[in-house]
Amino acid sequence: MDKPTLVENDYKAGEALVRALDQAGVKVQAAFWLYLPESDEWRLYLALPEVAQRGPREAYERIQTILEQLQLVPQRYDLSLGLT
């Protein structure tokens, strides 16, 4: 099976998230999309020093807050933490 293509909207959504994190004072050391064949999807990975400094819970909460703000912009980026 061929892997799905990372579409422009996904790329732009990731870029918008990294930019919004930066504007909120959250340093992003690295960000990259990785295709996971077992789930047949692309995922955005972020390397944040904040995780080591404040713990993953606080980092996830900050990311979630910023994601909710991004949902209000006209482009309606479709990103989520995917936590279930």
Protein backbone atom coordinates (compact mmCIF):
# COMPACT_ATOMS: atom_id res chain seq x y z
CA MET A 1 0.00 0.00 0.00
CA ASP A 2 1.26 3.45 -0.87
CA LYS A 3 1.57 5.92 1.94
CA PRO A 4 -0.69 8.96 1.79
CA THR A 5 0.89 12.23 0.78
CA LEU A 6 1.44 14.92 3.36
CA VAL A 7 -0.86 17.56 1.95
CA GLU A 8 -0.22 21.28 1.90
CA ASN A 9 -2.92 22.02 4.48
CA ASP A 10 -1.23 19.67 6.97
CA TYR A 11 2.13 21.29 6.33
CA LYS A 12 0.65 24.77 6.79
CA ALA A 13 -1.17 23.69 9.95
CA GLY A 14 2.09 22.44 11.45
CA GLU A 15 3.82 25.65 10.45
CA ALA A 16 1.03 27.72 12.04
CA LEU A 17 1.27 25.72 15.26
CA VAL A 18 5.04 26.17 15.51
CA ARG A 19 4.66 29.89 14.82
CA ALA A 20 1.89 30.22 17.45
CA LEU A 21 3.97 28.32 20.01
CA ASP A 22 6.88 30.65 19.34
CA GLN A 23 4.65 33.71 19.76
CA ALA A 24 3.40 32.27 23.06
CA GLY A 25 6.98 31.93 24.30
CA VAL A 26 7.18 28.16 23.90
CA LYS A 27 10.52 27.30 22.35
CA VAL A 28 10.36 24.61 19.67
CA GLN A 29 13.79 23.02 19.16
CA ALA A 30 12.61 20.77 16.35
CA ALA A 31 9.41 19.97 14.49
CA PHE A 32 8.90 17.30 11.86
CA TRP A 33 6.19 15.25 10.22
CA LEU A 34 6.64 11.46 10.35
CA TYR A 35 4.59 8.88 8.50
CA LEU A 36 3.51 5.94 10.69
CA PRO A 37 2.66 2.95 8.50
CA GLU A 38 0.95 0.99 11.29
CA SER A 39 -1.71 3.70 11.63
CA ASP A 40 -1.41 4.89 8.01
CA GLU A 41 -1.12 8.53 9.04
CA TRP A 42 1.25 11.44 9.33
CA ARG A 43 2.02 12.85 12.78
CA LEU A 44 3.68 16.08 13.75
CA TYR A 45 6.40 15.68 16.36
CA LEU A 46 7.69 18.60 18.43
CA ALA A 47 10.81 18.81 20.58
CA LEU A 48 10.14 21.24 23.42
CA PRO A 49 12.60 21.99 26.26
CA GLU A 50 9.52 22.91 28.29
CA VAL A 51 8.72 19.20 28.68
CA ALA A 52 11.93 18.63 30.66
CA GLN A 53 11.51 21.88 32.59
CA ARG A 54 7.80 21.76 33.49
CA GLY A 55 6.72 18.24 32.65
CA PRO A 56 4.68 16.80 29.80
CA ARG A 57 1.29 17.64 31.29
CA GLU A 58 1.90 21.38 31.35
CA ALA A 59 3.43 21.29 27.87
CA TYR A 60 0.41 19.41 26.51
CA GLU A 61 -1.95 21.88 28.21
CA ARG A 62 -0.16 24.83 26.60
CA ILE A 63 -0.21 23.15 23.19
CA GLN A 64 -3.91 22.36 23.58
CA THR A 65 -4.69 25.99 24.45
CA ILE A 66 -2.84 27.17 21.36
CA LEU A 67 -4.53 24.54 19.18
CA GLU A 68 -7.93 25.78 20.38
CA GLN A 69 -6.93 29.32 19.40
CA LEU A 70 -5.82 28.13 15.96
CA GLN A 71 -9.24 26.56 15.41
CA LEU A 72 -10.70 30.06 15.52
CA VAL A 73 -8.68 31.39 12.58
CA PRO A 74 -10.25 31.43 9.10
CA GLN A 75 -8.02 28.61 7.79
CA ARG A 76 -9.51 26.19 10.37
CA TYR A 77 -6.41 24.07 10.78
CA ASP A 78 -7.23 20.48 11.60
CA LEU A 79 -4.69 19.51 14.24
CA SER A 80 -5.27 17.76 17.54
CA LEU A 81 -3.21 16.14 20.24
CA GLY A 82 -4.92 12.86 19.41
CA LEU A 83 -5.08 11.84 23.05
CA THR A 84 -7.78 9.31 23.70
